[in-house]
Protein backbone atom coordinates (compact mmCIF):
# COMPACT_ATOMS: atom_id res chain seq x y z
CA MET A 1 -26.94 -25.37 -3.42
CA PRO A 2 -28.38 -23.88 -0.76
CA LYS A 3 -28.76 -19.83 -0.40
CA ILE A 4 -25.94 -18.38 1.71
CA LEU A 5 -27.03 -14.45 0.63
CA LYS A 6 -27.77 -13.24 3.60
CA GLY A 7 -26.59 -13.05 7.25
CA LYS A 8 -26.27 -11.14 10.32
CA PRO A 9 -23.58 -8.60 10.36
CA VAL A 10 -20.91 -9.39 13.40
CA PRO A 11 -18.43 -7.43 14.81
CA HIS A 12 -15.00 -6.30 13.30
CA VAL A 13 -11.70 -6.78 15.19
CA VAL A 14 -9.37 -4.19 13.18
CA ILE A 15 -5.67 -4.89 13.74
CA VAL A 16 -3.68 -2.39 11.34
CA ASP A 17 -0.28 -2.13 10.87
CA THR A 18 2.29 1.15 11.18
CA ASN A 19 1.76 1.83 6.94
CA ILE A 20 -1.50 2.25 7.33
CA LEU A 21 -1.35 4.82 10.22
CA TRP A 22 1.57 6.85 9.25
CA LEU A 23 1.70 10.25 8.54
CA GLU A 24 5.07 11.95 6.77
CA ASP A 25 3.84 15.32 9.01
CA LYS A 26 4.46 14.16 12.16
CA ALA A 27 1.90 16.67 14.21
CA PRO A 28 -1.02 14.41 13.95
CA ALA A 29 -0.77 11.24 16.44
CA VAL A 30 -1.69 9.26 13.09
CA ASN A 31 -2.86 9.56 9.22
CA PRO A 32 -6.11 11.75 9.51
CA ASP A 33 -7.30 9.47 6.76
CA PHE A 34 -7.79 7.07 9.44
CA ASP A 35 -9.09 8.97 11.42
CA ARG A 36 -12.04 9.79 9.36
CA PHE A 37 -12.13 5.97 7.76
CA TRP A 38 -12.94 5.05 11.14
CA THR A 39 -15.62 7.49 11.71
CA ASP A 40 -17.32 7.13 8.40
CA HIS A 41 -17.29 3.20 9.07
CA GLN A 42 -17.88 3.22 12.86
CA ALA A 43 -21.34 4.09 12.28
CA LEU A 44 -21.61 1.51 9.44
CA VAL A 45 -20.55 -1.45 11.80
CA GLN A 46 -19.24 -2.10 15.09
CA LEU A 47 -15.41 -1.90 14.74
CA GLU A 48 -13.14 -2.74 17.44
CA LEU A 49 -9.47 -1.07 17.22
CA MET A 50 -6.47 -3.37 17.97
CA ILE A 51 -2.97 -2.15 17.65
CA PRO A 52 0.60 -4.10 17.97
CA GLU A 53 2.85 -3.31 20.21
CA VAL A 54 5.19 -2.68 17.81
CA VAL A 55 3.25 -0.48 15.72
CA ARG A 56 2.65 1.78 18.76
CA GLY A 57 6.83 1.56 18.81
CA GLU A 58 7.52 2.05 15.43
CA LEU A 59 4.54 5.08 15.90
CA LEU A 60 6.61 6.09 18.63
CA PHE A 61 9.99 5.98 17.47
CA GLN A 62 8.66 7.90 14.17
CA GLN A 63 7.84 10.80 15.83
CA VAL A 64 10.61 11.11 18.65
CA SER A 65 13.20 10.31 16.01
CA SER A 66 11.73 13.59 14.29
CA CYS A 67 11.26 16.03 16.64
CA THR A 68 15.26 14.42 18.19
CA LYS A 69 16.57 16.20 14.76
CA ILE A 70 14.93 19.23 14.79
CA LEU A 71 15.77 19.46 18.62
CA ASP A 72 19.49 18.74 17.23
CA LYS A 73 19.50 21.57 14.60
CA VAL A 74 17.71 23.98 17.14
CA THR A 75 20.71 23.38 19.95
CA LYS A 76 23.17 23.81 16.79
CA HIS A 77 21.67 26.98 15.83
CA ILE A 78 21.79 28.04 20.14
CA SER A 79 25.06 27.38 19.85
CA GLU A 80 25.89 29.66 16.96
CA ILE A 81 23.69 32.24 18.34
CA SER A 82 25.56 32.60 21.33
CA LEU A 83 29.20 32.72 19.55
CA ILE A 84 28.11 35.33 17.27
CA ALA A 85 26.20 37.53 20.31
CA ALA A 86 28.95 36.34 22.79
CA ALA A 87 27.02 35.40 25.33
CA THR A 88 25.58 32.21 26.31
CA HIS A 89 22.23 31.43 25.69
CA SER A 90 20.22 27.31 26.39
CA GLN A 91 17.01 25.86 25.67
CA LYS A 92 15.37 23.50 28.12
CA ILE A 93 13.89 20.85 25.82
CA THR A 94 15.70 17.78 26.34
CA ALA A 95 15.35 14.43 24.78
CA ASP A 96 13.55 12.30 27.43
CA LYS A 97 10.75 15.28 27.94
CA ILE A 98 9.84 14.87 23.59
CA GLY A 99 9.66 11.12 24.31
CA ARG A 100 7.24 11.71 27.28
CA GLN A 101 5.09 14.31 25.42
CA VAL A 102 5.26 11.90 22.22
CA THR A 103 4.23 8.90 23.85
CA GLU A 104 1.29 11.10 25.94
CA LYS A 105 -0.09 11.80 22.49
CA VAL A 106 0.04 8.67 20.57
CA ASP A 107 -1.49 7.10 23.94
CA ARG A 108 -4.09 9.65 24.25
CA TRP A 109 -5.22 9.33 20.67
CA ILE A 110 -5.47 5.36 21.08
CA LYS A 111 -7.35 5.68 23.86
CA SER A 112 -9.72 7.82 22.03
CA LYS A 113 -10.22 4.60 19.67
CA ASP A 114 -11.49 2.61 23.14
CA ALA A 115 -8.27 0.63 21.27
CA HIS A 116 -5.94 -1.93 22.73
CA VAL A 117 -1.77 -2.40 22.20
CA LEU A 118 -1.59 -6.37 21.23
CA PRO A 119 1.56 -7.68 23.41
CA ILE A 120 4.33 -9.11 21.77
CA PRO A 121 3.32 -13.02 22.07
CA ILE A 122 7.05 -13.34 23.16
CA ALA A 123 6.19 -16.64 25.37
CA SER A 124 4.31 -18.47 22.70
CA VAL A 125 6.81 -17.75 19.55
CA ASP A 126 9.03 -20.31 17.69
CA TRP A 127 11.84 -18.34 18.02
CA LYS A 128 13.34 -21.97 16.67
CA THR A 129 11.32 -21.33 13.21
CA LEU A 130 11.67 -17.42 13.37
CA CYS A 131 15.67 -17.29 13.34
CA ASN A 132 15.42 -19.92 10.21
CA SER A 133 13.35 -17.68 8.73
CA ALA A 134 15.16 -14.65 9.50
CA ILE A 135 18.81 -16.68 8.15
CA TRP A 136 16.97 -17.75 4.86
CA ARG A 137 14.89 -14.80 4.41
CA LEU A 138 11.52 -16.45 4.37
CA ALA A 139 8.70 -14.13 4.37
CA PRO A 140 8.11 -11.67 6.05
CA PHE A 141 12.21 -11.46 6.12
CA VAL A 142 13.24 -10.58 2.78
CA PRO A 143 16.78 -8.51 1.42
CA ASP A 144 16.78 -5.21 1.80
CA ALA A 145 16.84 -3.31 -1.10
CA LYS A 146 18.89 -1.03 -0.25
CA ASN A 147 21.39 -3.31 0.47
CA PRO A 148 20.70 -6.85 -0.63
CA ASP A 149 23.43 -8.45 1.30
CA ALA A 150 21.12 -7.78 4.72
CA GLU A 151 17.87 -8.96 5.45
CA LYS A 152 15.03 -6.75 6.89
CA GLY A 153 11.48 -7.90 8.18
CA PHE A 154 12.44 -8.74 12.28
CA ARG A 155 9.55 -5.79 13.03
CA ASP A 156 7.25 -7.49 10.54
CA ALA A 157 8.20 -11.15 11.59
CA LEU A 158 6.73 -9.40 15.09
CA ILE A 159 3.62 -7.71 13.72
CA SER A 160 2.83 -11.20 12.30
CA GLU A 161 3.26 -13.22 15.07
CA THR A 162 0.94 -10.56 16.98
CA VAL A 163 -1.78 -10.74 14.81
CA VAL A 164 -1.46 -14.99 14.58
CA ALA A 165 -1.60 -15.27 18.67
CA PHE A 166 -4.19 -12.96 19.04
CA ALA A 167 -6.38 -14.42 16.06
CA LYS A 168 -5.87 -17.78 18.13
CA ALA A 169 -6.92 -16.36 21.87
CA GLU A 170 -10.03 -15.56 20.19
CA SER A 171 -13.36 -17.11 20.89
CA ARG A 172 -15.55 -14.48 20.36
CA ASN A 173 -17.95 -14.78 16.93
CA VAL A 174 -15.99 -11.59 15.57
CA ASN A 175 -14.42 -10.81 11.92
CA ILE A 176 -10.76 -10.42 11.82
CA ALA A 177 -9.28 -7.70 9.52
CA PHE A 178 -6.04 -7.26 9.28
CA VAL A 179 -5.02 -4.20 6.93
CA CYS A 180 -1.48 -3.63 6.10
CA ASN A 181 0.15 -2.42 3.07
CA ASP A 182 3.49 -4.53 2.83
CA PHE A 183 2.67 -7.37 0.17
CA VAL A 184 5.47 -9.59 1.77
CA LEU A 185 4.00 -8.94 5.61
CA ARG A 186 0.33 -9.28 4.19
CA THR A 187 0.19 -12.43 2.63
CA ALA A 188 2.73 -14.20 5.13
CA THR A 189 -0.10 -13.76 7.78
CA ALA A 190 -2.66 -14.37 5.42
CA GLU A 191 -0.74 -17.50 5.24
CA ARG A 192 -0.89 -18.63 8.19
CA LEU A 193 -4.69 -17.62 9.07
CA LYS A 194 -6.28 -19.11 5.88
CA ALA A 195 -7.62 -21.81 8.04
CA ASP A 196 -9.91 -19.44 10.08
CA ALA A 197 -12.90 -18.19 7.89
CA ARG A 198 -12.97 -15.34 10.33
CA CYS A 199 -10.21 -14.15 9.15
CA ALA A 200 -9.12 -11.51 6.24
CA CYS A 201 -6.28 -9.42 5.09
CA TYR A 202 -6.70 -6.62 2.89
CA GLU A 203 -4.02 -4.10 1.50
CA SER A 204 -5.52 -0.79 2.23
CA LEU A 205 -8.31 0.86 4.10
CA LEU A 206 -10.05 1.29 0.45
CA ASP A 207 -9.67 -2.23 0.35
CA PHE A 208 -11.31 -3.53 4.00
CA SER A 209 -13.85 -0.25 3.14
CA SER A 210 -15.59 -2.52 0.02
CA TYR A 211 -16.09 -5.39 2.60
CA ILE A 212 -17.72 -3.46 6.01
CA LYS A 213 -20.25 -2.38 2.65
CA LEU A 214 -20.63 -5.58 1.45
CA THR A 215 -21.43 -6.79 5.56
CA ARG A 216 -23.83 -3.77 5.26
CA GLU A 217 -25.74 -5.56 2.94
CA SER A 218 -26.57 -8.57 5.22
CA LEU A 219 -24.33 -10.71 2.90
CA THR A 220 -22.36 -13.94 4.99
CA ASN A 221 -18.54 -13.48 5.54
CA GLU A 222 -18.51 -16.75 3.35
CA PHE A 223 -20.65 -15.21 0.58
CA ILE A 224 -18.51 -11.63 0.92
CA LYS A 225 -15.03 -13.69 0.41
CA LYS A 226 -16.67 -15.76 -2.70
CA ILE A 227 -18.18 -12.48 -4.48
CA VAL A 228 -15.20 -10.94 -3.75
CA LYS A 229 -12.81 -13.32 -4.67
CA ARG A 230 -14.52 -13.93 -8.35
CA ALA A 231 -15.14 -10.29 -9.05
CA ALA A 232 -11.59 -10.49 -9.39
CA GLU A 233 -11.35 -13.39 -12.30
CA LYS A 234 -14.30 -11.86 -13.41
CA PHE A 235 -12.27 -8.39 -14.04
CA PHE A 236 -8.98 -10.22 -14.89
CA ASN A 237 -8.06 -13.82 -15.43
CA GLU A 238 -5.60 -14.12 -18.16
CA ASP A 239 -6.97 -17.64 -19.25
CA ASP A 240 -10.55 -16.85 -19.63
CA PRO A 241 -11.39 -14.45 -22.78
CA ASN A 242 -14.42 -12.77 -21.50
CA CYS A 243 -13.18 -11.56 -18.09
CA LEU A 244 -13.55 -7.67 -18.63
CA LEU A 245 -10.33 -6.72 -19.20
CA ILE A 246 -9.82 -8.87 -22.52
CA LYS A 247 -13.36 -9.21 -23.66
CA GLU A 248 -13.44 -5.47 -23.38
CA ASP A 249 -9.93 -4.78 -24.79
CA LEU A 250 -9.66 -2.29 -21.74
CA VAL A 251 -5.85 -2.00 -22.02
CA ALA A 252 -5.69 -0.92 -25.83
CA LYS A 253 -8.57 1.98 -24.95
CA LEU A 254 -6.70 2.87 -21.95
CA GLU A 255 -3.24 3.38 -23.64
CA SER A 256 -4.79 4.82 -26.96
CA ASP A 257 -4.83 8.43 -25.17
CA ARG A 258 -1.79 8.89 -25.38
CA SER A 259 -1.49 12.56 -22.97
CA HIS A 260 -2.08 10.13 -20.02
CA PHE A 261 1.78 8.44 -20.07
CA GLU A 262 3.19 11.83 -20.62
CA MET A 263 4.61 14.40 -17.94
CA PRO A 264 4.12 17.88 -18.70
CA ASP A 265 7.10 19.64 -17.13
CA PHE A 266 9.73 20.36 -19.79
CA ALA A 267 11.95 22.57 -17.23
CA SER A 268 12.11 19.62 -14.83
CA PRO A 269 14.50 15.83 -14.83
CA VAL A 270 11.02 14.31 -14.78
CA ALA A 271 9.94 15.81 -18.55
CA TYR A 272 8.64 13.91 -21.60
CA LEU A 273 8.84 10.56 -21.39
CA GLY A 274 7.13 9.09 -24.85
CA SER A 275 4.45 7.67 -25.94
CA VAL A 276 3.56 4.01 -24.58
CA PRO A 277 3.94 1.27 -27.03
CA ALA A 278 0.50 -1.97 -28.04
CA ILE A 279 0.07 -3.95 -25.07
CA SER A 280 -0.49 -7.60 -24.86
CA VAL A 281 -1.31 -9.09 -22.01
CA VAL A 282 0.41 -11.59 -20.19
CA GLY A 283 0.66 -13.38 -16.66
CA SER A 284 -1.83 -12.97 -13.96
CA SER A 285 -2.46 -10.15 -12.09
CA LEU A 286 0.43 -8.00 -13.76
CA VAL A 287 -0.18 -7.45 -17.72
CA ASN A 288 2.58 -6.60 -18.83
CA TYR A 289 3.82 -5.25 -22.27
CA ALA A 290 7.59 -4.92 -24.24
CA ALA A 291 8.92 -2.42 -26.26
CA PRO A 292 11.74 0.50 -26.57
CA ILE A 293 10.02 3.98 -25.79
CA GLN A 294 11.62 6.63 -27.36
CA THR A 295 13.18 9.42 -24.38
CA PRO A 296 14.58 12.23 -25.63
CA ALA A 297 17.42 13.03 -24.23
CA PHE A 298 17.30 16.95 -22.06
CA PRO A 299 19.35 19.55 -21.99
CA GLN A 300 22.95 18.03 -21.74
CA ASN A 301 24.67 20.21 -19.32
CA VAL A 302 22.05 19.37 -16.95
CA PHE A 303 20.10 16.31 -16.73
CA PRO A 304 20.79 12.92 -17.83
CA THR A 305 19.22 10.71 -20.26
CA TRP A 306 15.88 9.23 -18.42
CA THR A 307 15.72 5.15 -20.33
CA ALA A 308 12.80 3.13 -20.14
CA ASP A 309 12.98 -0.38 -18.92
CA ALA A 310 12.22 -3.14 -21.44
CA ARG A 311 9.21 -4.70 -19.89
CA THR A 312 5.88 -1.74 -18.45
CA LYS A 313 3.37 -3.48 -16.18
CA CYS A 314 -0.27 -2.73 -15.89
CA PHE A 315 -1.66 -3.44 -12.08
CA VAL A 316 -4.66 -4.62 -11.66
CA GLY A 317 -5.84 -3.61 -8.38
CA LEU A 318 -8.48 -5.52 -6.10
CA PRO A 319 -12.55 -4.80 -7.00
CA GLU A 320 -13.78 -2.17 -4.49
CA PHE A 321 -17.46 -2.72 -3.96
CA GLN A 322 -19.69 0.83 -4.17
CA LYS A 323 -23.11 -0.58 -3.95
CA ILE A 324 -26.05 -3.00 -4.81
CA THR A 325 -29.17 -1.58 -6.99
CA GLY A 326 -32.27 -3.33 -7.69
CA ASP A 327 -32.10 -6.89 -6.34
CA ARG A 328 -28.59 -8.09 -7.27
CA THR A 329 -26.66 -5.53 -9.58
CA TYR A 330 -23.30 -5.30 -7.84
CA HIS A 331 -21.37 -2.38 -8.99
CA TRP A 332 -17.67 -2.53 -8.39
CA LYS A 333 -14.31 -0.10 -9.35
CA THR A 334 -11.05 -1.73 -9.89
CA THR A 335 -7.73 0.78 -10.17
CA LEU A 336 -5.50 0.05 -12.81
CA THR A 337 -2.18 1.09 -12.58
CA TYR A 338 1.08 1.51 -15.39
CA VAL A 339 4.21 1.04 -13.64
CA ARG A 340 7.20 1.41 -15.94
CA LYS A 341 10.87 1.49 -14.37
CA TYR A 342 13.39 4.10 -15.79
CA PHE A 343 17.32 4.89 -15.34
CA ALA A 344 19.32 7.52 -15.91
CA THR A 345 21.89 6.07 -18.10
CA SER A 346 24.08 9.19 -18.78
CA SER A 347 24.82 12.69 -17.54
CA ALA A 348 26.90 15.45 -18.88
CA GLY A 349 28.14 18.35 -17.20
CA ASP A 350 27.97 19.61 -13.40
CA VAL A 351 25.31 17.72 -12.12
CA GLY A 352 26.35 17.19 -8.73
CA SER A 353 27.18 20.84 -8.23
CA LEU A 354 23.52 21.43 -8.79
CA GLY A 355 22.55 19.15 -6.31
CA LEU A 356 20.76 16.95 -7.95
CA THR A 357 20.82 13.16 -7.87
CA PHE A 358 19.49 10.59 -10.65
CA ALA A 359 17.84 7.05 -8.89
CA GLY A 360 16.12 5.20 -10.64
CA LYS A 361 12.31 5.83 -10.81
CA LEU A 362 8.59 5.27 -11.94
CA LEU A 363 5.87 6.53 -14.56
CA LEU A 364 2.90 5.24 -12.59
CA VAL A 365 -0.22 6.17 -14.41
CA LYS A 366 -3.81 5.11 -12.94
CA PHE A 367 -7.20 4.68 -14.08
CA ASN A 368 -10.45 3.11 -12.14
CA VAL A 369 -12.58 1.10 -13.92
CA LEU A 370 -16.26 1.20 -13.30
CA TRP A 371 -18.02 -1.94 -14.15
CA LYS A 372 -21.10 -3.82 -12.59
CA ALA A 373 -22.80 -7.55 -12.62
CA ASN A 374 -25.70 -9.39 -11.53
CA VAL A 375 -24.65 -11.72 -8.65
CA LYS A 376 -26.80 -14.91 -7.63
CA ASP A 377 -27.36 -16.20 -4.95
CA ASP A 378 -25.14 -18.98 -5.23
CA ALA A 379 -22.29 -15.95 -6.01
CA ARG A 380 -22.08 -16.22 -9.77
CA PHE A 381 -21.72 -13.40 -11.99
CA HIS A 382 -23.71 -12.45 -15.19
CA ASP A 383 -24.03 -10.24 -17.67
CA VAL A 384 -20.74 -8.34 -16.43
CA ALA A 385 -20.27 -4.94 -18.28
CA LEU A 386 -18.18 -2.09 -18.17
CA GLU A 387 -19.34 1.23 -17.07
CA SER A 388 -17.14 3.57 -17.62
CA THR A 389 -13.68 4.30 -17.10
CA GLN A 390 -11.83 7.39 -15.31
CA PHE A 391 -7.78 8.80 -15.43
CA VAL A 392 -6.49 9.26 -11.70
CA GLY A 393 -3.52 10.86 -12.73
CA ASN A 394 0.43 10.22 -13.32
CA GLU A 395 3.68 10.32 -11.30
CA PHE A 396 7.12 9.92 -12.44
CA ARG A 397 8.86 9.57 -9.26
CA GLU A 398 11.59 7.08 -7.24
CA PRO A 399 9.58 3.96 -5.85
CA THR A 400 8.67 3.80 -2.43
CA ASP A 401 9.34 0.35 -0.36
CA ALA A 402 5.97 -1.00 -0.55
CA GLU A 403 5.84 -0.34 -4.46
CA ARG A 404 9.07 -1.93 -4.75
CA GLN A 405 7.30 -5.22 -3.32
CA ARG A 406 3.79 -4.02 -4.73
CA PHE A 407 4.46 -3.95 -8.30
CA LYS A 408 7.66 -6.81 -7.44
CA LEU A 409 10.23 -4.26 -8.99
CA ASP A 410 13.28 -5.91 -9.90
CA GLU A 411 15.94 -3.16 -8.49
CA ALA A 412 18.84 -3.87 -10.35
CA THR A 413 19.87 -1.17 -12.64
CA PRO A 414 20.47 -2.67 -17.06
CA LYS A 415 23.74 -2.74 -18.53
CA THR A 416 23.83 0.83 -20.93
């Protein structure tokens, strides 16, 4: 088999989805984490940023809407001040002015990155197929989790069409990376781009960072794709008893410290959640284990009883490349996320008067697993070994839309 280890790094064209730039705080143009990522990685390889027109529009909408809501409150309060003071007061801020200023802010940021806005390829879109996908809820169209009779995904579909059209039109010798945290949109776009060896889709900036670091090692694009795929398989493959997760019995080891699966705040409705049962490995990227968790009831005049779903999932993340030591020892980090749904099955007392609501929540417990392997020139892995595990943290909260997709959550509340 010919060696494919070394190759000259080529420039990367990076196309980002809205969720990679999004930030709850609307003061920055985009998430500062992206700015830091871009600065750090531009020093490693040549990067060129592309912003789909829809992504730019979503950023503008989010930020303008946030300002408009605040402006409505300001206007209301000024009216109240006028009534109280028996004098006319006014403010000169208008929604149109806010829109112009936010647009200028976002466009300044785009210019600062020497980025290009990719227009929606209206002329080349197969609108008949797109409409049919919307009707039949075909990816990236999906039922709306908050309203199952409706569908969502039109903007996602336009982003996917933009990425695919750019890849078809791009003739330069570049790698094309689509970074998208939306599982449905990312996988649907990856399926359409799978015949183009230049293209790859990444779930997060961390995943893309791993790829860039491997590129810096002068590895070919083909070799990188092979070893990243094999790294995932060597860490976990339900049909391989010698994969690291099964061989080291990692799930049981991580589960043995029950304190990681408990919430310490006994004064809140997200208090102690009980212990985690024994685990058996089922499935591919999701390690599932089933047994009821004993969940104590909260004070009957305030909090509901949280009931755990019958199954907990352990989600195995993609391997993140860390470094190479020696000639061929590759070091990796894989994140394991334990996920369990909880439902507020009963409540007593006047909960509503306290302003409390109890929707379904998730218990999320994260660990990092550090491991290594010798990788040969033909991309085969040898001497796979565990180095260490790290507890990252835990959370108990309502799931985001992205988590509903990523963890394949069934939103139906079980009968009680």
